[in-house]
Amino acid sequence: MTKLLVIKANPNKTEDSFGLTVGQAFIEAYKAAHPTDTVTEINLFEQCIPEIDGNMLAARGVLAQGTPFTDLSAEQQKQIVVSRTLLEQFMDHDKYVFITPLWNLTFPARMKLYLDTLCVAGTTFRYTENGPVGLLEGKKALHIHAAGGIYNGETYATRILHDILGLIGIKDVQTLCIEGHHANPDKANDIKEKGKVDATTIAQQF
């Protein structure tokens, strides 16, 4: 059974977001085209996502030296458990859809925190003499990305996501940009509708 994980990073309601609206069109079309697949949705604004801070780094360090998990502080244990749970959920899926708005040239900070939980040496990638090698090969991802300006399909956010997914071995990454609705407000509805059509088309073969 194929598993799809949809990761949303937007605090708005679906009807108030171009990206979430297009993302919902994708989800509905995907379920219709792949009725035996499972689809799990998470919104990072409804999740506790631990920051890699001094506590987290210290905890990882002592665990690597063989210190029992129970010797960590309560806060460190919580950070490790939540981070590991998010990582295991991600690794348990086969396909991914990331839905993000463009905020100040990149995506919301919660997405970066989430991506940080996925980059674990020895688990999702390993170091070699020729550089890091991803360990999550054979998976695929789609980035549904909404931007009010016009960026010709590529922003700093799309490049970051492609690079991080590439680090952990996910090379098959598509991008669907819904852009220009603030730059051309008179065309906003047409832009949204085209995004929904494009998402539905992609969902058929994803």
Protein backbone atom coordinates (compact mmCIF):
# COMPACT_ATOMS: atom_id res chain seq x y z
CA MET A 1 0.00 0.00 0.00
CA THR A 2 1.40 3.39 -1.03
CA LYS A 3 1.36 6.15 1.56
CA LEU A 4 1.15 9.87 0.80
CA LEU A 5 2.05 12.47 3.43
CA VAL A 6 0.76 16.02 2.89
CA ILE A 7 2.73 18.62 4.86
CA LYS A 8 1.08 22.03 5.09
CA ALA A 9 2.79 25.12 6.46
CA ASN A 10 0.10 27.77 6.52
CA PRO A 11 -1.94 29.13 9.45
CA ASN A 12 -4.77 30.39 7.22
CA LYS A 13 -8.05 28.69 6.43
CA THR A 14 -8.10 26.77 3.16
CA GLU A 15 -10.54 29.20 1.53
CA ASP A 16 -8.25 32.12 2.39
CA SER A 17 -5.13 30.57 0.88
CA PHE A 18 -4.25 30.06 -2.77
CA GLY A 19 -1.77 27.33 -1.90
CA LEU A 20 -4.12 25.41 0.41
CA THR A 21 -6.99 25.70 -2.07
CA VAL A 22 -4.85 24.27 -4.87
CA GLY A 23 -3.49 21.68 -2.44
CA GLN A 24 -7.03 20.57 -1.58
CA ALA A 25 -7.77 20.14 -5.27
CA PHE A 26 -4.70 17.95 -5.55
CA ILE A 27 -5.69 15.83 -2.54
CA GLU A 28 -9.21 15.23 -3.83
CA ALA A 29 -7.96 14.31 -7.29
CA TYR A 30 -5.24 12.09 -5.85
CA LYS A 31 -7.71 10.14 -3.70
CA ALA A 32 -9.98 9.63 -6.70
CA ALA A 33 -7.11 8.44 -8.89
CA HIS A 34 -5.45 6.28 -6.20
CA PRO A 35 -8.30 4.87 -4.10
CA THR A 36 -6.16 2.20 -2.42
CA ASP A 37 -3.47 4.64 -1.23
CA THR A 38 -3.51 6.16 2.23
CA VAL A 39 -3.31 9.94 2.60
CA THR A 40 -2.18 11.60 5.83
CA GLU A 41 -2.36 15.38 6.27
CA ILE A 42 -0.49 17.46 8.83
CA ASN A 43 -0.34 21.21 9.32
CA LEU A 44 2.89 22.40 10.89
CA PHE A 45 1.07 25.28 12.58
CA GLU A 46 -0.83 22.65 14.57
CA GLN A 47 2.29 20.64 15.45
CA CYS A 48 4.90 20.92 18.17
CA ILE A 49 8.19 21.04 16.25
CA PRO A 50 11.31 21.11 18.43
CA GLU A 51 13.98 23.63 17.55
CA ILE A 52 17.55 22.38 17.30
CA ASP A 53 18.80 24.42 20.25
CA GLY A 54 21.47 23.89 22.89
CA ASN A 55 19.32 21.38 24.77
CA MET A 56 18.71 19.30 21.65
CA LEU A 57 22.37 19.31 20.60
CA ALA A 58 23.50 18.36 24.09
CA ALA A 59 20.97 15.52 24.22
CA ARG A 60 22.10 14.15 20.87
CA GLY A 61 25.69 14.35 21.97
CA VAL A 62 25.30 12.40 25.19
CA LEU A 63 23.02 9.81 23.57
CA ALA A 64 25.69 9.22 20.93
CA GLN A 65 28.14 8.51 23.75
CA GLY A 66 25.88 5.84 25.20
CA THR A 67 24.10 7.81 27.91
CA PRO A 68 20.69 6.24 28.70
CA PHE A 69 17.68 8.16 27.39
CA THR A 70 16.25 8.25 30.91
CA ASP A 71 19.24 10.31 32.08
CA LEU A 72 18.19 13.21 29.87
CA SER A 73 16.22 16.09 31.35
CA ALA A 74 12.45 16.04 30.93
CA GLU A 75 12.69 18.80 28.33
CA GLN A 76 15.38 16.97 26.39
CA GLN A 77 13.38 13.74 26.42
CA LYS A 78 10.33 15.59 25.05
CA GLN A 79 12.38 17.22 22.30
CA ILE A 80 13.95 13.93 21.24
CA VAL A 81 10.66 11.99 21.28
CA VAL A 82 8.72 14.59 19.29
CA SER A 83 11.53 15.03 16.77
CA ARG A 84 11.92 11.28 16.34
CA THR A 85 8.16 10.79 15.96
CA LEU A 86 8.02 13.34 13.13
CA LEU A 87 11.02 11.72 11.45
CA GLU A 88 9.59 8.20 11.70
CA GLN A 89 6.25 9.38 10.31
CA PHE A 90 8.04 10.93 7.34
CA MET A 91 10.19 7.86 6.68
CA ASP A 92 7.11 5.62 6.82
CA HIS A 93 5.63 7.30 3.74
CA ASP A 94 6.41 6.92 0.05
CA LYS A 95 5.28 10.22 -1.45
CA TYR A 96 5.13 13.76 -0.13
CA VAL A 97 3.30 16.96 -0.92
CA PHE A 98 4.61 20.16 0.66
CA ILE A 99 2.20 23.11 0.60
CA THR A 100 3.73 26.48 1.45
CA PRO A 101 3.19 30.19 0.88
CA LEU A 102 6.07 32.49 0.03
CA TRP A 103 6.82 34.58 3.11
CA ASN A 104 9.62 37.15 2.85
CA LEU A 105 11.40 35.30 0.02
CA THR A 106 11.15 31.86 1.67
CA PHE A 107 8.60 29.62 3.39
CA PRO A 108 7.32 29.92 6.99
CA ALA A 109 9.95 29.19 9.66
CA ARG A 110 8.01 26.15 10.83
CA MET A 111 8.79 24.43 7.56
CA LYS A 112 12.51 24.92 8.12
CA LEU A 113 12.16 23.51 11.65
CA TYR A 114 10.36 20.50 10.20
CA LEU A 115 12.97 19.95 7.51
CA ASP A 116 15.66 20.08 10.20
CA THR A 117 14.04 17.09 11.92
CA LEU A 118 14.42 15.09 8.68
CA CYS A 119 18.16 15.63 8.22
CA VAL A 120 19.78 13.11 10.55
CA ALA A 121 23.20 11.70 9.68
CA GLY A 122 23.16 7.92 9.72
CA THR A 123 19.37 7.80 9.37
CA THR A 124 18.31 9.82 6.32
CA PHE A 125 21.78 10.45 4.87
CA ARG A 126 25.35 9.38 5.49
CA TYR A 127 28.72 10.99 4.99
CA THR A 128 31.18 9.49 2.51
CA GLU A 129 34.55 10.44 1.08
CA ASN A 130 32.70 11.94 -1.87
CA GLY A 131 30.19 13.89 0.17
CA PRO A 132 26.80 13.10 1.74
CA VAL A 133 24.62 10.35 0.27
CA GLY A 134 20.85 10.28 0.80
CA LEU A 135 19.26 7.15 2.22
CA LEU A 136 15.61 7.76 1.24
CA GLU A 137 15.91 6.88 -2.42
CA GLY A 138 12.91 5.80 -4.47
CA LYS A 139 10.51 8.34 -2.95
CA LYS A 140 8.99 11.37 -4.66
CA ALA A 141 7.69 14.80 -3.71
CA LEU A 142 5.61 17.69 -4.98
CA HIS A 143 5.94 21.28 -3.77
CA ILE A 144 2.77 23.35 -4.12
CA HIS A 145 4.00 26.88 -3.60
CA ALA A 146 1.93 30.08 -3.66
CA ALA A 147 3.53 33.47 -4.25
CA GLY A 148 1.81 36.81 -4.69
CA GLY A 149 4.60 38.10 -6.92
CA ILE A 150 6.00 36.70 -10.15
CA TYR A 151 9.10 34.50 -9.86
CA ASN A 152 8.87 32.36 -13.00
CA GLY A 153 8.32 29.16 -11.05
CA GLU A 154 11.41 29.33 -8.85
CA THR A 155 11.98 31.03 -5.51
CA TYR A 156 14.54 30.75 -2.74
CA ALA A 157 12.02 28.49 -0.97
CA THR A 158 11.76 26.06 -3.89
CA ARG A 159 15.55 25.83 -4.11
CA ILE A 160 15.93 25.16 -0.38
CA LEU A 161 13.33 22.40 -0.43
CA HIS A 162 14.87 20.75 -3.50
CA ASP A 163 18.33 20.87 -1.93
CA ILE A 164 17.25 19.43 1.43
CA LEU A 165 15.18 16.67 -0.14
CA GLY A 166 18.13 15.90 -2.40
CA LEU A 167 20.38 15.63 0.66
CA ILE A 168 18.22 12.83 2.07
CA GLY A 169 17.93 11.03 -1.26
CA ILE A 170 14.64 12.30 -2.70
CA LYS A 171 15.54 13.37 -6.23
CA ASP A 172 12.13 13.13 -7.90
CA VAL A 173 10.73 16.53 -6.89
CA GLN A 174 8.13 18.51 -8.85
CA THR A 175 7.13 22.11 -8.22
CA LEU A 176 3.75 23.69 -8.87
CA CYS A 177 3.93 27.45 -8.36
CA ILE A 178 0.74 29.49 -8.10
CA GLU A 179 2.07 32.98 -8.54
CA GLY A 180 1.18 36.54 -9.43
CA HIS A 181 -2.19 36.97 -7.69
CA HIS A 182 -1.00 40.04 -5.76
CA ALA A 183 0.93 41.49 -8.68
CA ASN A 184 -2.12 41.03 -10.91
CA PRO A 185 -5.17 41.10 -8.63
CA ASP A 186 -7.55 41.32 -11.59
CA LYS A 187 -6.29 37.90 -12.68
CA ALA A 188 -6.23 36.33 -9.21
CA ASN A 189 -9.22 34.06 -9.70
CA ASP A 190 -7.93 32.83 -13.05
CA ILE A 191 -4.54 32.10 -11.46
CA LYS A 192 -6.20 30.09 -8.69
CA GLU A 193 -8.39 28.13 -11.08
CA LYS A 194 -5.45 27.30 -13.33
CA GLY A 195 -3.54 26.11 -10.27
CA LYS A 196 -6.41 23.78 -9.37
CA VAL A 197 -6.51 22.37 -12.90
CA ASP A 198 -2.74 21.85 -12.93
CA ALA A 199 -2.85 20.19 -9.50
CA THR A 200 -5.62 17.83 -10.61
CA THR A 201 -3.60 16.87 -13.69
CA ILE A 202 -0.46 16.19 -11.67
CA ALA A 203 -2.44 14.14 -9.14
CA GLN A 204 -3.51 11.67 -11.82
CA GLN A 205 0.06 10.43 -12.37
CA PHE A 206 1.71 11.26 -9.04
